[in-house]
Amino acid sequence: MTDKLRVYVPPHPLIQNWLTMAREASTPPVLFRTAMTELGRWLTYEAIREWIPTQQVSVQTPLAPAQGTIVRSDIPIAIAPILRAGLALLPGMQEVLPAATIYHLGMVRNETTLEASCYLNTLPAEFPPDLHLLISEPMLATGGTLDQTLELLMDRGLTSDRLRIVSIVAAPPALQKLNDRHPGLVIYSATIDEGIDDRGFIIPGLGDAGDRSFGTD
């Protein structure tokens, strides 16, 4: 299984509720942002369930000793939102992982060629060997933006087992490309849609997540 792309669509009713709110064209930006925050929260919760490093400890309750589990503080955890739309998921992700380091990657897609290029990169030259990183990328349409992002990360020492992708809507062309280019990658998405149109937009999708989050055209 480790040499194949894995995509998880959690059957949580809150995820489906907020996805439906985000899909509705008449949802105003303020409520759309709330939906994105909530989706970021619940998808991150699902993504780290069996992935975040933990350790067993002993604690003293008011009545007796007890065994417990805590998140390991010596293993660094980071979140990398892909701008702009990835920022919309970040507040919810940070509520689940408040101590996570935040890196930023600004990627813009040429609407004619559908190729992505990077205009902002705050990644370090090299990551710690044990860093765990979540990537916030709401829309996986062609897969080009995420493919370039993964190349930047892996050039800095990250491997697929220390990465998780948090997405809202994924389309088959992106998943096929990522499976071919980055086997072993794990994606958590609220849904997998039918496909993309000739402009590279996911159908039925939810429109432009960046514009809808920030009230721009």
C-alpha atoms as a PDB file:
ATOM      1  CA  MET A   1       0.000   0.000   0.000  1.00  0.00           C
ATOM      2  CA  THR A   2       2.889   2.369   0.650  1.00  0.00           C
ATOM      3  CA  ASP A   3       3.709   2.711  -3.069  1.00  0.00           C
ATOM      4  CA  LYS A   4       0.221   3.949  -4.002  1.00  0.00           C
ATOM      5  CA  LEU A   5      -1.551   7.227  -3.442  1.00  0.00           C
ATOM      6  CA  ARG A   6      -4.092   6.953  -0.629  1.00  0.00           C
ATOM      7  CA  VAL A   7      -7.096   9.267  -0.445  1.00  0.00           C
ATOM      8  CA  TYR A   8      -9.345   9.289   2.615  1.00  0.00           C
ATOM      9  CA  VAL A   9     -12.806  10.876   2.546  1.00  0.00           C
ATOM     10  CA  PRO A  10     -13.920  10.874   6.201  1.00  0.00           C
ATOM     11  CA  PRO A  11     -17.668  10.117   6.555  1.00  0.00           C
ATOM     12  CA  HIS A  12     -18.077  12.677   9.332  1.00  0.00           C
ATOM     13  CA  PRO A  13     -21.466  14.468   9.193  1.00  0.00           C
ATOM     14  CA  LEU A  14     -19.906  17.808  10.175  1.00  0.00           C
ATOM     15  CA  ILE A  15     -17.474  17.594   7.267  1.00  0.00           C
ATOM     16  CA  GLN A  16     -20.331  16.918   4.865  1.00  0.00           C
ATOM     17  CA  ASN A  17     -22.439  19.704   6.399  1.00  0.00           C
ATOM     18  CA  TRP A  18     -19.739  22.339   5.948  1.00  0.00           C
ATOM     19  CA  LEU A  19     -18.829  21.046   2.482  1.00  0.00           C
ATOM     20  CA  THR A  20     -22.445  21.544   1.430  1.00  0.00           C
ATOM     21  CA  MET A  21     -22.426  25.097   2.827  1.00  0.00           C
ATOM     22  CA  ALA A  22     -19.224  25.836   0.901  1.00  0.00           C
ATOM     23  CA  ARG A  23     -20.639  24.451  -2.357  1.00  0.00           C
ATOM     24  CA  GLU A  24     -23.755  26.653  -2.303  1.00  0.00           C
ATOM     25  CA  ALA A  25     -23.183  29.581  -4.688  1.00  0.00           C
ATOM     26  CA  SER A  26     -25.237  32.010  -2.580  1.00  0.00           C
ATOM     27  CA  THR A  27     -23.183  31.439   0.591  1.00  0.00           C
ATOM     28  CA  PRO A  28     -21.679  34.859   1.504  1.00  0.00           C
ATOM     29  CA  PRO A  29     -17.914  35.198   2.073  1.00  0.00           C
ATOM     30  CA  VAL A  30     -18.254  35.447   5.859  1.00  0.00           C
ATOM     31  CA  LEU A  31     -20.110  32.117   6.050  1.00  0.00           C
ATOM     32  CA  PHE A  32     -17.883  30.576   3.374  1.00  0.00           C
ATOM     33  CA  ARG A  33     -14.841  31.403   5.537  1.00  0.00           C
ATOM     34  CA  THR A  34     -16.545  29.768   8.507  1.00  0.00           C
ATOM     35  CA  ALA A  35     -17.137  26.655   6.418  1.00  0.00           C
ATOM     36  CA  MET A  36     -13.489  26.567   5.364  1.00  0.00           C
ATOM     37  CA  THR A  37     -12.314  27.014   8.951  1.00  0.00           C
ATOM     38  CA  GLU A  38     -14.521  24.150  10.099  1.00  0.00           C
ATOM     39  CA  LEU A  39     -13.410  21.919   7.240  1.00  0.00           C
ATOM     40  CA  GLY A  40      -9.792  22.687   8.077  1.00  0.00           C
ATOM     41  CA  ARG A  41     -10.453  21.751  11.706  1.00  0.00           C
ATOM     42  CA  TRP A  42     -12.237  18.442  11.132  1.00  0.00           C
ATOM     43  CA  LEU A  43     -10.079  17.240   8.249  1.00  0.00           C
ATOM     44  CA  THR A  44      -6.929  17.962  10.253  1.00  0.00           C
ATOM     45  CA  TYR A  45      -8.389  16.068  13.203  1.00  0.00           C
ATOM     46  CA  GLU A  46      -8.926  13.081  10.917  1.00  0.00           C
ATOM     47  CA  ALA A  47      -5.559  13.397   9.161  1.00  0.00           C
ATOM     48  CA  ILE A  48      -3.470  13.268  12.336  1.00  0.00           C
ATOM     49  CA  ARG A  49      -5.456  10.553  14.110  1.00  0.00           C
ATOM     50  CA  GLU A  50      -2.868   7.783  13.624  1.00  0.00           C
ATOM     51  CA  TRP A  51      -0.014   9.894  12.257  1.00  0.00           C
ATOM     52  CA  ILE A  52       0.931  12.440  14.904  1.00  0.00           C
ATOM     53  CA  PRO A  53       3.814  11.171  17.117  1.00  0.00           C
ATOM     54  CA  THR A  54       2.799  10.268  20.679  1.00  0.00           C
ATOM     55  CA  GLN A  55       4.373   8.789  23.786  1.00  0.00           C
ATOM     56  CA  GLN A  56       3.149   6.938  26.862  1.00  0.00           C
ATOM     57  CA  VAL A  57       3.500   8.687  30.217  1.00  0.00           C
ATOM     58  CA  SER A  58       2.525   8.182  33.843  1.00  0.00           C
ATOM     59  CA  VAL A  59       0.426  10.824  35.597  1.00  0.00           C
ATOM     60  CA  GLN A  60      -0.908  11.253  39.098  1.00  0.00           C
ATOM     61  CA  THR A  61      -4.662  11.802  39.239  1.00  0.00           C
ATOM     62  CA  PRO A  62      -6.263  13.180  42.434  1.00  0.00           C
ATOM     63  CA  LEU A  63      -6.851   9.552  43.453  1.00  0.00           C
ATOM     64  CA  ALA A  64      -4.173   7.308  41.967  1.00  0.00           C
ATOM     65  CA  PRO A  65      -1.446   6.920  39.348  1.00  0.00           C
ATOM     66  CA  ALA A  66      -2.606   6.397  35.749  1.00  0.00           C
ATOM     67  CA  GLN A  67      -1.092   5.681  32.376  1.00  0.00           C
ATOM     68  CA  GLY A  68      -1.731   8.174  29.579  1.00  0.00           C
ATOM     69  CA  THR A  69      -0.761   9.278  26.073  1.00  0.00           C
ATOM     70  CA  ILE A  70       0.529  12.710  25.068  1.00  0.00           C
ATOM     71  CA  VAL A  71       1.726  14.283  21.836  1.00  0.00           C
ATOM     72  CA  ARG A  72       5.510  14.195  21.627  1.00  0.00           C
ATOM     73  CA  SER A  73       6.891  17.696  22.098  1.00  0.00           C
ATOM     74  CA  ASP A  74      10.304  16.755  20.674  1.00  0.00           C
ATOM     75  CA  ILE A  75       8.911  16.012  17.187  1.00  0.00           C
ATOM     76  CA  PRO A  76       8.346  19.252  15.227  1.00  0.00           C
ATOM     77  CA  ILE A  77       5.015  19.685  13.454  1.00  0.00           C
ATOM     78  CA  ALA A  78       4.375  22.286  10.753  1.00  0.00           C
ATOM     79  CA  ILE A  79       1.594  23.457   8.453  1.00  0.00           C
ATOM     80  CA  ALA A  80       2.208  24.864   4.976  1.00  0.00           C
ATOM     81  CA  PRO A  81      -0.807  26.624   3.448  1.00  0.00           C
ATOM     82  CA  ILE A  82      -0.614  27.157  -0.304  1.00  0.00           C
ATOM     83  CA  LEU A  83      -1.660  30.768  -0.894  1.00  0.00           C
ATOM     84  CA  ARG A  84      -4.188  32.114  -1.335  1.00  0.00           C
ATOM     85  CA  ALA A  85      -6.889  29.551  -0.764  1.00  0.00           C
ATOM     86  CA  GLY A  86      -4.853  27.455   1.671  1.00  0.00           C
ATOM     87  CA  LEU A  87      -5.021  30.310   4.167  1.00  0.00           C
ATOM     88  CA  ALA A  88      -8.776  29.769   4.518  1.00  0.00           C
ATOM     89  CA  LEU A  89      -8.223  26.352   6.128  1.00  0.00           C
ATOM     90  CA  LEU A  90      -5.431  27.545   8.402  1.00  0.00           C
ATOM     91  CA  PRO A  91      -7.453  28.902  11.384  1.00  0.00           C
ATOM     92  CA  GLY A  92      -9.190  25.562  11.877  1.00  0.00           C
ATOM     93  CA  MET A  93      -5.955  23.622  11.442  1.00  0.00           C
ATOM     94  CA  GLN A  94      -4.198  25.802  14.016  1.00  0.00           C
ATOM     95  CA  GLU A  95      -6.972  25.176  16.536  1.00  0.00           C
ATOM     96  CA  VAL A  96      -6.160  21.470  16.329  1.00  0.00           C
ATOM     97  CA  LEU A  97      -2.368  22.022  16.236  1.00  0.00           C
ATOM     98  CA  PRO A  98      -1.786  25.338  18.045  1.00  0.00           C
ATOM     99  CA  ALA A  99       1.970  24.769  18.461  1.00  0.00           C
ATOM    100  CA  ALA A 100       2.638  24.000  14.789  1.00  0.00           C
ATOM    101  CA  THR A 101       5.140  26.093  12.858  1.00  0.00           C
ATOM    102  CA  ILE A 102       3.585  27.842   9.845  1.00  0.00           C
ATOM    103  CA  TYR A 103       5.380  28.043   6.491  1.00  0.00           C
ATOM    104  CA  HIS A 104       3.893  29.860   3.482  1.00  0.00           C
ATOM    105  CA  LEU A 105       3.999  28.998  -0.194  1.00  0.00           C
ATOM    106  CA  GLY A 106       2.485  31.383  -2.733  1.00  0.00           C
ATOM    107  CA  MET A 107       1.578  29.617  -5.957  1.00  0.00           C
ATOM    108  CA  VAL A 108      -0.233  31.191  -8.919  1.00  0.00           C
ATOM    109  CA  ARG A 109      -1.699  29.286 -11.861  1.00  0.00           C
ATOM    110  CA  ASN A 110      -1.526  30.556 -15.417  1.00  0.00           C
ATOM    111  CA  GLU A 111      -5.157  30.433 -16.532  1.00  0.00           C
ATOM    112  CA  THR A 112      -4.143  29.699 -20.130  1.00  0.00           C
ATOM    113  CA  THR A 113      -1.550  26.959 -19.675  1.00  0.00           C
ATOM    114  CA  LEU A 114      -2.811  25.861 -16.215  1.00  0.00           C
ATOM    115  CA  GLU A 115       0.851  25.708 -15.122  1.00  0.00           C
ATOM    116  CA  ALA A 116       1.715  26.886 -11.598  1.00  0.00           C
ATOM    117  CA  SER A 117       4.593  29.127 -10.565  1.00  0.00           C
ATOM    118  CA  CYS A 118       5.871  30.120  -7.124  1.00  0.00           C
ATOM    119  CA  TYR A 119       5.907  33.772  -6.030  1.00  0.00           C
ATOM    120  CA  LEU A 120       6.459  33.324  -2.256  1.00  0.00           C
ATOM    121  CA  ASN A 121       8.491  30.705  -0.416  1.00  0.00           C
ATOM    122  CA  THR A 122       9.229  30.821   3.330  1.00  0.00           C
ATOM    123  CA  LEU A 123      10.435  27.214   3.562  1.00  0.00           C
ATOM    124  CA  PRO A 124      13.791  26.600   5.260  1.00  0.00           C
ATOM    125  CA  ALA A 125      16.707  25.385   3.174  1.00  0.00           C
ATOM    126  CA  GLU A 126      16.444  22.001   4.914  1.00  0.00           C
ATOM    127  CA  PHE A 127      13.853  20.464   7.221  1.00  0.00           C
ATOM    128  CA  PRO A 128      14.653  18.627  10.453  1.00  0.00           C
ATOM    129  CA  PRO A 129      14.846  14.881   9.759  1.00  0.00           C
ATOM    130  CA  ASP A 130      11.786  14.125  11.924  1.00  0.00           C
ATOM    131  CA  LEU A 131       9.508  17.041  10.930  1.00  0.00           C
ATOM    132  CA  HIS A 132       5.840  16.182  10.241  1.00  0.00           C
ATOM    133  CA  LEU A 133       4.134  18.575   7.791  1.00  0.00           C
ATOM    134  CA  LEU A 134       0.528  19.145   6.738  1.00  0.00           C
ATOM    135  CA  ILE A 135      -0.126  20.935   3.452  1.00  0.00           C
ATOM    136  CA  SER A 136      -3.280  23.043   3.187  1.00  0.00           C
ATOM    137  CA  GLU A 137      -4.499  22.990  -0.432  1.00  0.00           C
ATOM    138  CA  PRO A 138      -8.315  23.199  -0.737  1.00  0.00           C
ATOM    139  CA  MET A 139      -8.679  22.401  -4.454  1.00  0.00           C
ATOM    140  CA  LEU A 140      -6.885  19.549  -6.227  1.00  0.00           C
ATOM    141  CA  ALA A 141      -7.887  20.044  -9.862  1.00  0.00           C
ATOM    142  CA  THR A 142      -4.994  19.299 -12.236  1.00  0.00           C
ATOM    143  CA  GLY A 143      -2.482  18.552  -9.473  1.00  0.00           C
ATOM    144  CA  GLY A 144       0.123  20.911 -10.919  1.00  0.00           C
ATOM    145  CA  THR A 145       0.344  23.250  -7.935  1.00  0.00           C
ATOM    146  CA  LEU A 146       0.649  20.457  -5.400  1.00  0.00           C
ATOM    147  CA  ASP A 147       3.152  18.607  -7.601  1.00  0.00           C
ATOM    148  CA  GLN A 148       5.464  21.644  -7.628  1.00  0.00           C
ATOM    149  CA  THR A 149       4.971  22.110  -3.892  1.00  0.00           C
ATOM    150  CA  LEU A 150       5.935  18.518  -3.198  1.00  0.00           C
ATOM    151  CA  GLU A 151       9.072  18.886  -5.282  1.00  0.00           C
ATOM    152  CA  LEU A 152      10.112  21.881  -3.181  1.00  0.00           C
ATOM    153  CA  LEU A 153       9.458  19.961   0.030  1.00  0.00           C
ATOM    154  CA  MET A 154      11.222  16.781  -1.003  1.00  0.00           C
ATOM    155  CA  ASP A 155      14.237  18.755  -2.209  1.00  0.00           C
ATOM    156  CA  ARG A 156      14.487  19.877   1.426  1.00  0.00           C
ATOM    157  CA  GLY A 157      14.480  16.377   2.853  1.00  0.00           C
ATOM    158  CA  LEU A 158      10.816  15.539   3.425  1.00  0.00           C
ATOM    159  CA  THR A 159       9.448  12.106   2.533  1.00  0.00           C
ATOM    160  CA  SER A 160       5.862  11.038   1.822  1.00  0.00           C
ATOM    161  CA  ASP A 161       5.439   9.309   5.181  1.00  0.00           C
ATOM    162  CA  ARG A 162       5.972  12.644   6.965  1.00  0.00           C
ATOM    163  CA  LEU A 163       3.446  14.516   4.804  1.00  0.00           C
ATOM    164  CA  ARG A 164      -0.331  14.793   4.892  1.00  0.00           C
ATOM    165  CA  ILE A 165      -2.440  16.792   2.440  1.00  0.00           C
ATOM    166  CA  VAL A 166      -5.599  18.485   3.705  1.00  0.00           C
ATOM    167  CA  SER A 167      -7.963  19.292   0.831  1.00  0.00           C
ATOM    168  CA  ILE A 168     -11.640  20.081   0.348  1.00  0.00           C
ATOM    169  CA  VAL A 169     -12.365  18.907  -3.201  1.00  0.00           C
ATOM    170  CA  ALA A 170     -10.190  16.563  -5.260  1.00  0.00           C
ATOM    171  CA  ALA A 171     -10.630  15.657  -8.936  1.00  0.00           C
ATOM    172  CA  PRO A 172      -9.450  12.505 -10.750  1.00  0.00           C
ATOM    173  CA  PRO A 173      -6.866  14.273 -13.008  1.00  0.00           C
ATOM    174  CA  ALA A 174      -5.022  15.580  -9.942  1.00  0.00           C
ATOM    175  CA  LEU A 175      -5.175  12.247  -8.137  1.00  0.00           C
ATOM    176  CA  GLN A 176      -3.852  10.395 -11.189  1.00  0.00           C
ATOM    177  CA  LYS A 177      -0.965  12.823 -11.605  1.00  0.00           C
ATOM    178  CA  LEU A 178      -0.053  12.701  -7.934  1.00  0.00           C
ATOM    179  CA  ASN A 179      -0.223   8.913  -7.899  1.00  0.00           C
ATOM    180  CA  ASP A 180       2.187   8.801 -10.855  1.00  0.00           C
ATOM    181  CA  ARG A 181       4.553  11.424  -9.485  1.00  0.00           C
ATOM    182  CA  HIS A 182       4.416  10.896  -5.713  1.00  0.00           C
ATOM    183  CA  PRO A 183       3.513   7.329  -4.765  1.00  0.00           C
ATOM    184  CA  GLY A 184       2.941   6.887  -1.055  1.00  0.00           C
ATOM    185  CA  LEU A 185       1.305  10.293  -0.616  1.00  0.00           C
ATOM    186  CA  VAL A 186      -1.697  10.480   1.746  1.00  0.00           C
ATOM    187  CA  ILE A 187      -4.559  12.923   1.133  1.00  0.00           C
ATOM    188  CA  TYR A 188      -7.539  13.762   3.333  1.00  0.00           C
ATOM    189  CA  SER A 189     -10.324  15.363   1.328  1.00  0.00           C
ATOM    190  CA  ALA A 190     -13.957  16.185   2.036  1.00  0.00           C
ATOM    191  CA  THR A 191     -14.963  14.760  -1.346  1.00  0.00           C
ATOM    192  CA  ILE A 192     -13.784  13.493  -4.740  1.00  0.00           C
ATOM    193  CA  ASP A 193     -15.644  15.182  -7.590  1.00  0.00           C
ATOM    194  CA  GLU A 194     -16.371  14.141 -11.171  1.00  0.00           C
ATOM    195  CA  GLY A 195     -13.662  15.993 -13.088  1.00  0.00           C
ATOM    196  CA  ILE A 196     -12.519  19.385 -14.384  1.00  0.00           C
ATOM    197  CA  ASP A 197     -13.682  21.694 -17.161  1.00  0.00           C
ATOM    198  CA  ASP A 198     -11.555  23.263 -19.923  1.00  0.00           C
ATOM    199  CA  ARG A 199     -10.574  26.087 -17.566  1.00  0.00           C
ATOM    200  CA  GLY A 200      -9.230  23.660 -14.976  1.00  0.00           C
ATOM    201  CA  PHE A 201     -12.111  24.209 -12.536  1.00  0.00           C
ATOM    202  CA  ILE A 202     -13.446  21.224 -10.607  1.00  0.00           C
ATOM    203  CA  ILE A 203     -16.981  20.118 -11.502  1.00  0.00           C
ATOM    204  CA  PRO A 204     -19.257  20.449  -9.539  1.00  0.00           C
ATOM    205  CA  GLY A 205     -16.630  21.836  -7.137  1.00  0.00           C
ATOM    206  CA  LEU A 206     -17.279  25.019  -5.210  1.00  0.00           C
ATOM    207  CA  GLY A 207     -15.847  27.706  -7.461  1.00  0.00           C
ATOM    208  CA  ASP A 208     -12.673  29.649  -6.723  1.00  0.00           C
ATOM    209  CA  ALA A 209     -11.967  28.979  -3.035  1.00  0.00           C
ATOM    210  CA  GLY A 210      -9.589  31.962  -2.780  1.00  0.00           C
ATOM    211  CA  ASP A 211     -11.999  34.488  -4.291  1.00  0.00           C
ATOM    212  CA  ARG A 212     -14.910  33.174  -2.254  1.00  0.00           C
ATOM    213  CA  SER A 213     -12.902  33.248   0.977  1.00  0.00           C
ATOM    214  CA  PHE A 214     -11.664  36.788   0.569  1.00  0.00           C
ATOM    215  CA  GLY A 215     -14.556  38.377  -1.329  1.00  0.00           C
ATOM    216  CA  THR A 216     -12.616  39.067  -4.535  1.00  0.00           C
ATOM    217  CA  ASP A 217     -13.501  38.414  -8.168  1.00  0.00           C
END
